[in-house]
């Protein structure tokens, strides 16, 4: 039998008692519950926000791109030869979930008196439409007839609203040729679908078209492309997985001995990922503040209980109980109260997260936050770690007030009663 735990359970403030410590202990429990609930909500929002943004960025652009080694940072690219052996080697790699080819070219759309600079992203039948279909709000995706080049394109809602375009509308796009001595070339496109990702980097400029348009505009051969888009299983291991892709590309000898380079999306747009990494700092700051507040309230509550039980402490000392044993009693008291606070914190935090996850009660301005509602991603691993961390740290903080017990004299404590 654990004597200290038995005593601790019997000196906890009860519902029908008028102990001085009761309201203070209740406040401490509420502080722990609210603190844990806030931590669960904050971490769930940050994880949800990061995963949603990452999904949108990677969904449109892929995790890794393989392009011409001499490419600059513009969308007017140098071509590489489409290599079926390289594609096969990449697809056979366990970490790779998909490979697709693409080509890009800047252009200018002019409808009535409104002009807009855009990037045409040429794709073919290997393109994975999962991301676009998820964000398609009107119309349909592209179909690629084997014998003819389709004029259908998928554009963003932002461009459609700006240019006054809707499904089945035609518009003309002008392209500057690679050869400075040639005239501006034009293409007529038809709106087949309209998507909305809420990411300005995508919605403000990209339209999806048949890759054969880009090849024709650039006077490329049918097997020339801007590059390959490679999708991976886990973007969190991007740097390590880039080395694997580099090995495949390096050892693959293409027919024309072309030089290729492997680029991660993080290297191409570091500002976005630097911004996302700042969210982790915010999460740690919230967790630290909540644990500090909860710990201070528990210290106060335990001190009041110790002072209220001074006579009991004196009696225990007079019958031979050691300071360590008595301190253990009150640490058990604190742990039981912390456990109660954690229970209600989990109930409140998870309930609010599930409500937001299911019903999207809190909305956002998508032009600022890139999404229309606060995203929630419940990770039971993170929740478990929050519970364990909060319990250990707040319990450890109770060691300080328990030291008061060593200063209590048995004779004075009993005489005071």
Protein backbone atom coordinates (compact mmCIF):
# COMPACT_ATOMS: atom_id res chain seq x y z
CA UNK A 1 0.00 0.00 0.00
CA UNK A 2 1.25 3.45 -0.94
CA UNK A 3 0.69 5.35 2.33
CA UNK A 4 1.59 8.78 0.88
CA UNK A 5 -0.87 8.40 -2.01
CA UNK A 6 -3.61 7.20 0.38
CA UNK A 7 -3.19 10.27 2.58
CA UNK A 8 -3.00 12.56 -0.47
CA UNK A 9 -6.35 11.33 -1.77
CA UNK A 10 -8.01 12.00 1.59
CA UNK A 11 -6.74 15.56 2.03
CA UNK A 12 -7.85 16.78 -1.38
CA UNK A 13 -10.42 19.63 -1.10
CA UNK A 14 -13.93 18.14 -1.30
CA UNK A 15 -17.07 19.55 -2.88
CA UNK A 16 -19.01 19.97 0.38
CA UNK A 17 -16.17 21.43 2.45
CA UNK A 18 -15.46 25.06 3.28
CA UNK A 19 -11.67 24.81 3.11
CA UNK A 20 -9.85 28.05 2.46
CA UNK A 21 -7.86 26.26 -0.26
CA UNK A 22 -10.92 25.07 -2.21
CA UNK A 23 -11.50 28.18 -4.41
CA UNK A 24 -7.76 28.68 -4.96
CA UNK A 25 -7.30 25.03 -5.96
CA UNK A 26 -10.29 25.28 -8.32
CA UNK A 27 -8.69 28.30 -9.97
CA UNK A 28 -5.45 26.34 -10.38
CA UNK A 29 -7.30 23.41 -11.99
CA UNK A 30 -9.13 25.80 -14.32
CA UNK A 31 -5.82 27.44 -15.24
CA UNK A 32 -4.31 24.07 -16.15
CA UNK A 33 -7.41 23.05 -18.12
CA UNK A 34 -7.54 26.31 -20.06
CA UNK A 35 -3.79 26.29 -20.59
CA UNK A 36 -3.82 22.77 -22.06
CA UNK A 37 -6.90 23.56 -24.17
CA UNK A 38 -5.17 26.64 -25.59
CA UNK A 39 -2.02 24.60 -26.31
CA UNK A 40 -4.01 21.87 -28.08
CA UNK A 41 -5.92 24.42 -30.16
CA UNK A 42 -2.78 26.44 -30.98
CA UNK A 43 -0.74 23.40 -32.04
CA UNK A 44 -3.66 21.96 -34.05
CA UNK A 45 -4.13 25.27 -35.88
CA UNK A 46 -0.42 25.71 -36.60
CA UNK A 47 -0.03 22.11 -37.82
CA UNK A 48 -3.20 22.49 -39.89
CA UNK A 49 -2.08 25.83 -41.30
CA UNK A 50 1.37 24.50 -42.25
CA UNK A 51 0.02 21.30 -43.79
CA UNK A 52 -2.67 23.19 -45.76
CA UNK A 53 -0.20 25.74 -47.15
CA UNK A 54 2.37 23.03 -47.93
CA UNK A 55 -0.28 20.91 -49.62
CA UNK A 56 -1.32 23.83 -51.82
CA UNK A 57 2.25 24.81 -52.75
CA UNK A 58 3.49 21.28 -53.41
CA UNK A 59 0.20 20.22 -55.01
CA UNK A 60 0.60 22.74 -57.82
CA UNK A 61 4.38 22.80 -58.22
CA UNK A 62 5.65 19.40 -56.92
CA UNK A 63 8.36 18.75 -54.33
CA UNK A 64 11.32 18.56 -56.70
CA UNK A 65 11.94 19.81 -60.23
CA UNK A 66 14.57 18.50 -62.66
CA UNK A 67 15.50 21.17 -65.20
CA UNK A 68 18.26 22.27 -67.54
CA UNK A 69 21.46 23.01 -65.63
CA UNK A 70 21.81 26.35 -67.45
CA UNK A 71 18.31 27.57 -66.57
CA UNK A 72 17.92 30.97 -64.94
CA UNK A 73 15.16 31.85 -62.51
CA UNK A 74 12.70 33.04 -65.18
CA UNK A 75 9.81 31.09 -66.68
CA UNK A 76 11.38 31.37 -70.15
CA UNK A 77 13.22 28.07 -69.90
CA UNK A 78 15.87 26.17 -71.82
CA UNK A 79 14.62 22.81 -73.09
CA UNK A 80 15.75 19.32 -72.13
CA UNK A 81 15.05 16.06 -73.88
CA UNK A 82 12.27 13.93 -72.45
CA UNK A 83 14.00 10.76 -71.31
CA UNK A 84 11.78 7.73 -70.75
CA UNK A 85 14.60 5.86 -68.98
CA UNK A 86 15.02 8.65 -66.45
CA UNK A 87 11.26 8.76 -65.83
CA UNK A 88 11.21 5.00 -65.33
CA UNK A 89 14.15 5.11 -62.91
CA UNK A 90 12.47 7.85 -60.90
CA UNK A 91 9.13 6.02 -60.77
CA UNK A 92 10.87 2.88 -59.55
CA UNK A 93 12.26 4.74 -56.53
CA UNK A 94 10.27 4.00 -53.36
CA UNK A 95 10.18 7.61 -52.13
CA UNK A 96 8.70 8.88 -55.42
CA UNK A 97 4.90 8.93 -55.77
CA UNK A 98 4.69 10.54 -59.20
CA UNK A 99 6.60 12.08 -62.11
CA UNK A 100 5.18 14.42 -64.74
CA UNK A 101 6.61 16.69 -67.46
CA UNK A 102 5.88 20.36 -67.97
CA UNK A 103 6.88 23.48 -69.90
CA UNK A 104 6.32 27.14 -69.03
CA UNK A 105 6.20 30.36 -71.02
CA UNK A 106 5.27 33.94 -70.01
CA UNK A 107 2.49 35.62 -71.93
CA UNK A 108 0.10 38.56 -71.94
CA UNK A 109 -3.68 38.26 -71.93
CA UNK A 110 -5.71 41.21 -73.18
CA UNK A 111 -9.50 41.19 -72.93
CA UNK A 112 -11.26 44.41 -73.94
CA UNK A 113 -9.24 47.10 -72.15
CA UNK A 114 -7.80 44.85 -69.44
CA UNK A 115 -4.34 43.29 -69.83
CA UNK A 116 -2.63 40.83 -67.53
CA UNK A 117 0.77 39.15 -67.55
CA UNK A 118 0.50 35.40 -66.97
CA UNK A 119 2.51 32.19 -67.02
CA UNK A 120 1.24 29.40 -69.22
CA UNK A 121 2.14 26.02 -67.75
CA UNK A 122 2.07 23.37 -70.43
CA UNK A 123 1.13 19.86 -69.32
CA UNK A 124 0.29 16.53 -70.95
CA UNK A 125 -1.63 13.35 -70.18
CA UNK A 126 0.80 12.42 -67.36
CA UNK A 127 -0.35 15.40 -65.27
CA UNK A 128 -1.84 14.54 -61.87
CA UNK A 129 -5.14 16.44 -61.60
CA UNK A 130 -5.84 15.57 -57.97
CA UNK A 131 -4.86 19.00 -56.63
CA UNK A 132 -6.65 21.02 -59.33
CA UNK A 133 -9.80 18.89 -59.10
CA UNK A 134 -9.87 19.55 -55.36
CA UNK A 135 -9.83 23.31 -56.01
CA UNK A 136 -11.90 23.35 -59.22
CA UNK A 137 -14.94 25.54 -58.66
CA UNK A 138 -16.38 25.52 -62.17
CA UNK A 139 -15.97 23.67 -65.46
CA UNK A 140 -13.76 20.65 -66.15
CA UNK A 141 -10.13 19.62 -66.46
CA UNK A 142 -8.29 19.25 -69.76
CA UNK A 143 -8.43 16.30 -72.12
CA UNK A 144 -5.53 15.63 -74.47
CA UNK A 145 -6.51 14.24 -77.92
CA UNK A 146 -3.59 12.26 -79.35
CA UNK A 147 -3.73 13.81 -82.83
CA UNK A 148 -4.59 17.48 -82.16
CA UNK A 149 -3.55 20.20 -79.73
CA UNK A 150 -6.44 21.27 -77.51
CA UNK A 151 -7.13 24.99 -77.10
CA UNK A 152 -8.88 24.45 -73.78
CA UNK A 153 -7.20 25.88 -70.67
CA UNK A 154 -7.82 25.96 -66.93
CA UNK A 155 -7.47 29.40 -65.33
CA UNK A 156 -7.80 30.78 -61.80
CA UNK A 157 -10.85 32.56 -60.42
CA UNK A 158 -8.67 35.62 -59.82
CA UNK A 159 -7.79 35.90 -63.52
CA UNK A 160 -11.34 35.04 -64.59
CA UNK A 161 -12.80 37.84 -62.44
CA UNK A 162 -10.14 40.34 -63.50
CA UNK A 163 -10.58 39.66 -67.20
CA UNK A 164 -14.33 39.02 -67.09
CA UNK A 165 -14.01 35.46 -68.35
CA UNK A 166 -16.30 32.49 -67.75
CA UNK A 167 -16.57 28.89 -68.94
CA UNK A 168 -16.39 28.50 -72.78
CA UNK A 169 -15.18 32.08 -73.28
CA UNK A 170 -12.36 32.63 -75.77
CA UNK A 171 -9.38 34.91 -75.21
CA UNK A 172 -6.11 35.68 -76.97
CA UNK A 173 -2.68 35.47 -75.38
CA UNK A 174 0.43 37.10 -76.85
CA UNK A 175 3.89 35.57 -76.49
CA UNK A 176 7.30 37.09 -77.09
CA UNK A 177 9.36 34.68 -79.25
CA UNK A 178 12.75 33.38 -78.17
CA UNK A 179 14.28 34.78 -81.34
CA UNK A 180 14.48 38.57 -81.13
CA UNK A 181 14.09 38.91 -84.93
CA UNK A 182 10.66 37.31 -84.97
CA UNK A 183 7.29 38.87 -84.33
CA UNK A 184 5.04 38.43 -81.32
CA UNK A 185 3.05 35.22 -81.62
CA UNK A 186 -0.54 34.77 -80.48
CA UNK A 187 -2.71 31.90 -79.37
CA UNK A 188 -6.47 31.71 -78.89
CA UNK A 189 -7.59 29.73 -75.85
CA UNK A 190 -10.95 28.58 -74.50
CA UNK A 191 -11.77 28.51 -70.78
CA UNK A 192 -12.49 24.91 -69.83
CA UNK A 193 -12.21 25.15 -66.03
CA UNK A 194 -11.75 27.67 -63.22
CA UNK A 195 -9.84 26.87 -60.03
CA UNK A 196 -9.13 28.75 -56.78
CA UNK A 197 -6.29 27.89 -54.39
CA UNK A 198 -6.27 31.19 -52.41
CA UNK A 199 -2.49 31.35 -52.95
CA UNK A 200 -1.64 34.59 -54.72
CA UNK A 201 1.60 33.11 -56.09
CA UNK A 202 -0.54 30.66 -58.09
CA UNK A 203 -3.90 32.35 -58.63
CA UNK A 204 -2.47 35.65 -59.88
CA UNK A 205 -0.62 34.27 -62.89
CA UNK A 206 -0.87 30.58 -63.79
CA UNK A 207 -3.05 29.01 -66.46
CA UNK A 208 -2.82 25.34 -67.48
CA UNK A 209 -2.66 24.47 -71.18
CA UNK A 210 -1.61 21.71 -73.56
CA UNK A 211 2.19 21.42 -73.53
CA UNK A 212 2.19 21.22 -77.33
CA UNK A 213 1.34 24.93 -77.47
CA UNK A 214 4.56 25.78 -75.60
CA UNK A 215 6.62 23.44 -77.77
CA UNK A 216 5.23 25.04 -80.92
CA UNK A 217 5.69 28.61 -79.65
CA UNK A 218 9.32 27.89 -78.72
CA UNK A 219 10.00 25.93 -81.93
CA UNK A 220 10.86 22.89 -79.82
CA UNK A 221 10.71 19.29 -80.92
CA UNK A 222 7.82 17.14 -79.60
CA UNK A 223 10.09 15.46 -77.04
CA UNK A 224 11.52 18.71 -75.62
CA UNK A 225 10.24 19.98 -72.27
CA UNK A 226 11.12 22.53 -69.57
CA UNK A 227 11.58 19.83 -66.95
CA UNK A 228 10.18 17.08 -64.75
CA UNK A 229 8.07 17.51 -61.63
CA UNK A 230 8.73 14.85 -59.00
CA UNK A 231 6.35 14.19 -56.11
CA UNK A 232 7.65 12.57 -52.92
CA UNK A 233 6.05 10.66 -50.05
CA UNK A 234 7.19 12.99 -47.25
CA UNK A 235 8.18 16.60 -47.91
CA UNK A 236 9.60 16.90 -44.38
CA UNK A 237 12.61 14.84 -45.53
CA UNK A 238 13.09 16.96 -48.64
CA UNK A 239 16.83 17.59 -48.29
CA UNK A 240 17.63 13.92 -47.73
CA UNK A 241 15.37 12.80 -50.57
CA UNK A 242 16.92 15.35 -52.91
CA UNK A 243 20.22 13.48 -52.55
CA UNK A 244 18.50 10.28 -53.69
CA UNK A 245 17.02 12.02 -56.74
CA UNK A 246 20.41 13.59 -57.45
CA UNK A 247 21.98 10.15 -57.51
CA UNK A 248 19.40 8.91 -60.02
CA UNK A 249 19.80 11.96 -62.26
CA UNK A 250 23.60 11.89 -61.96
CA UNK A 251 23.95 8.24 -62.87
CA UNK A 252 21.40 8.40 -65.67
CA UNK A 253 23.22 9.04 -68.96
CA UNK A 254 20.82 10.74 -71.34
CA UNK A 255 21.18 10.30 -75.12
CA UNK A 256 22.47 13.83 -75.71
CA UNK A 257 24.54 13.99 -72.49
CA UNK A 258 22.48 16.97 -71.33
CA UNK A 259 23.28 18.50 -67.96
CA UNK A 260 20.44 18.46 -65.47
CA UNK A 261 19.99 20.02 -62.05
CA UNK A 262 17.69 19.03 -59.21
CA UNK A 263 15.87 21.85 -57.37
CA UNK A 264 13.53 21.60 -54.41
CA UNK A 265 10.58 23.95 -54.15
CA UNK A 266 12.05 25.14 -50.85
CA UNK A 267 15.15 26.33 -52.71
CA UNK A 268 13.06 28.11 -55.34
CA UNK A 269 10.74 29.88 -52.87
CA UNK A 270 12.64 30.10 -49.56
CA UNK A 271 10.63 33.09 -48.33
CA UNK A 272 7.45 31.01 -48.03
CA UNK A 273 9.15 28.27 -46.02
CA UNK A 274 10.97 30.79 -43.81
CA UNK A 275 7.57 32.26 -43.03
CA UNK A 276 6.14 28.82 -42.22
CA UNK A 277 9.08 28.05 -39.91
CA UNK A 278 8.21 31.16 -37.87
CA UNK A 279 4.94 29.47 -36.92
CA UNK A 280 6.90 26.86 -34.93
CA UNK A 281 8.40 29.65 -32.84
CA UNK A 282 4.92 30.99 -32.12
CA UNK A 283 3.80 27.52 -31.00
CA UNK A 284 6.73 27.13 -28.60
CA UNK A 285 6.08 30.62 -27.18
CA UNK A 286 2.40 29.82 -26.52
CA UNK A 287 3.28 26.48 -24.91
CA UNK A 288 5.91 28.05 -22.65
CA UNK A 289 3.55 30.83 -21.49
CA UNK A 290 0.65 28.45 -20.82
CA UNK A 291 2.81 26.03 -18.83
CA UNK A 292 4.28 28.93 -16.84
CA UNK A 293 0.83 30.30 -15.98
CA UNK A 294 -0.50 26.83 -15.07
CA UNK A 295 2.59 26.09 -12.96
CA UNK A 296 2.38 29.37 -11.02
CA UNK A 297 -1.28 28.75 -10.23
CA UNK A 298 -0.50 25.22 -9.02
CA UNK A 299 2.35 26.53 -6.84
CA UNK A 300 -0.07 28.98 -5.22
CA UNK A 301 -2.72 26.30 -4.73
CA UNK A 302 -0.28 23.82 -3.19
CA UNK A 303 1.16 26.46 -0.84
CA UNK A 304 -2.32 27.22 0.47
CA UNK A 305 -3.02 23.49 1.00
CA UNK A 306 0.29 23.08 2.87
CA UNK A 307 -0.46 26.04 5.14
CA UNK A 308 -3.98 24.73 5.71
CA UNK A 309 -2.58 21.31 6.68
CA UNK A 310 0.17 22.65 8.96
CA UNK A 311 -1.25 20.81 11.99
CA UNK A 312 -1.37 17.54 10.07
CA UNK A 313 2.24 18.03 8.99
CA UNK A 314 3.25 18.63 12.62
CA UNK A 315 1.46 15.46 13.76
CA UNK A 316 3.08 13.38 11.02
CA UNK A 317 6.52 14.70 11.97
CA UNK A 318 5.87 14.02 15.67
CA UNK A 319 5.17 10.35 14.96
CA UNK A 320 8.38 9.98 12.98
CA UNK A 321 7.46 10.79 9.39
CA UNK A 322 10.38 12.11 7.37
CA UNK A 323 10.28 15.38 5.42
CA UNK A 324 10.72 13.44 2.16
CA UNK A 325 7.62 11.33 2.88
CA UNK A 326 5.50 14.36 3.77
CA UNK A 327 6.68 16.24 0.71
CA UNK A 328 5.76 13.20 -1.34
CA UNK A 329 2.21 13.39 0.04
CA UNK A 330 1.79 16.94 -1.20
CA UNK A 331 3.44 16.22 -4.54
CA UNK A 332 0.84 13.49 -4.96
CA UNK A 333 -1.85 16.05 -4.10
CA UNK A 334 -0.49 18.39 -6.77
CA UNK A 335 -0.23 15.58 -9.33
CA UNK A 336 -3.84 14.53 -8.74
CA UNK A 337 -5.03 18.11 -9.19
CA UNK A 338 -2.90 18.50 -12.33
CA UNK A 339 -4.38 15.26 -13.69
CA UNK A 340 -7.88 16.63 -13.14
CA UNK A 341 -6.97 19.85 -14.94
CA UNK A 342 -5.44 17.92 -17.85
CA UNK A 343 -8.56 15.80 -18.21
CA UNK A 344 -10.84 18.82 -18.58
CA UNK A 345 -8.27 20.57 -20.77
CA UNK A 346 -8.33 17.67 -23.19
CA UNK A 347 -12.13 17.59 -23.21
CA UNK A 348 -12.45 21.33 -23.94
CA UNK A 349 -9.55 21.52 -26.40
CA UNK A 350 -10.53 18.47 -28.44
CA UNK A 351 -14.21 19.43 -28.47
CA UNK A 352 -13.47 22.92 -29.85
CA UNK A 353 -11.00 21.51 -32.41
CA UNK A 354 -13.51 18.91 -33.65
CA UNK A 355 -16.27 21.53 -33.94
CA UNK A 356 -14.01 23.79 -36.02
CA UNK A 357 -12.76 20.86 -38.08
CA UNK A 358 -16.28 19.69 -38.94
CA UNK A 359 -18.25 22.94 -39.23
CA UNK A 360 -15.59 25.63 -40.02
CA UNK A 361 -17.14 27.99 -37.48
CA UNK A 362 -14.23 30.47 -37.57
CA UNK A 363 -13.70 31.90 -41.05
CA UNK A 364 -10.75 33.79 -42.52
CA UNK A 365 -10.17 36.29 -45.29
CA UNK A 366 -8.61 34.11 -48.03
CA UNK A 367 -6.84 37.10 -49.61
CA UNK A 368 -4.76 37.43 -46.43
CA UNK A 369 -4.54 33.92 -44.98
CA UNK A 370 -4.69 31.85 -48.24
CA UNK A 371 -7.68 29.87 -46.93
CA UNK A 372 -11.32 30.58 -46.12
CA UNK A 373 -11.44 29.08 -42.61
CA UNK A 374 -9.12 28.23 -39.71
CA UNK A 375 -7.61 24.80 -40.50
CA UNK A 376 -7.37 22.15 -37.81
CA UNK A 377 -5.10 19.11 -37.93
CA UNK A 378 -5.44 16.87 -34.88
CA UNK A 379 -2.25 14.94 -34.15
CA UNK A 380 -2.67 12.58 -31.20
CA UNK A 381 1.11 12.29 -30.99
CA UNK A 382 1.42 16.03 -30.37
CA UNK A 383 -1.53 15.98 -27.94
CA UNK A 384 0.04 13.12 -25.97
CA UNK A 385 3.37 14.96 -25.85
CA UNK A 386 1.62 18.14 -24.66
CA UNK A 387 -0.07 16.21 -21.86
CA UNK A 388 3.12 14.46 -20.78
CA UNK A 389 5.20 17.63 -21.01
CA UNK A 390 2.66 19.73 -19.08
CA UNK A 391 2.32 17.10 -16.37
CA UNK A 392 6.08 16.67 -15.89
CA UNK A 393 6.94 20.38 -15.93
CA UNK A 394 4.13 21.54 -13.66
CA UNK A 395 4.78 18.68 -11.23
CA UNK A 396 8.47 19.56 -11.20
CA UNK A 397 7.55 23.16 -10.37
CA UNK A 398 5.71 21.91 -7.25
CA UNK A 399 9.00 20.78 -5.73
CA UNK A 400 9.64 24.43 -4.81
CA UNK A 401 6.55 24.98 -2.58
CA UNK A 402 6.92 21.50 -1.06
CA UNK A 403 10.22 22.65 0.46
CA UNK A 404 8.18 24.77 2.90
CA UNK A 405 7.39 21.52 4.73
CA UNK A 406 11.00 21.21 5.89
CA UNK A 407 10.67 24.55 7.73
CA UNK A 408 7.62 23.51 9.77
CA UNK A 409 8.41 22.64 13.40
CA UNK A 410 6.20 19.86 14.92
CA UNK A 411 5.91 21.54 18.33
CA UNK A 412 4.87 24.91 16.86
CA UNK A 413 2.48 23.37 14.38
CA UNK A 414 0.64 21.31 17.01
CA UNK A 415 0.60 24.16 19.53
CA UNK A 416 -0.84 26.48 16.89
CA UNK A 417 -3.87 24.19 16.71
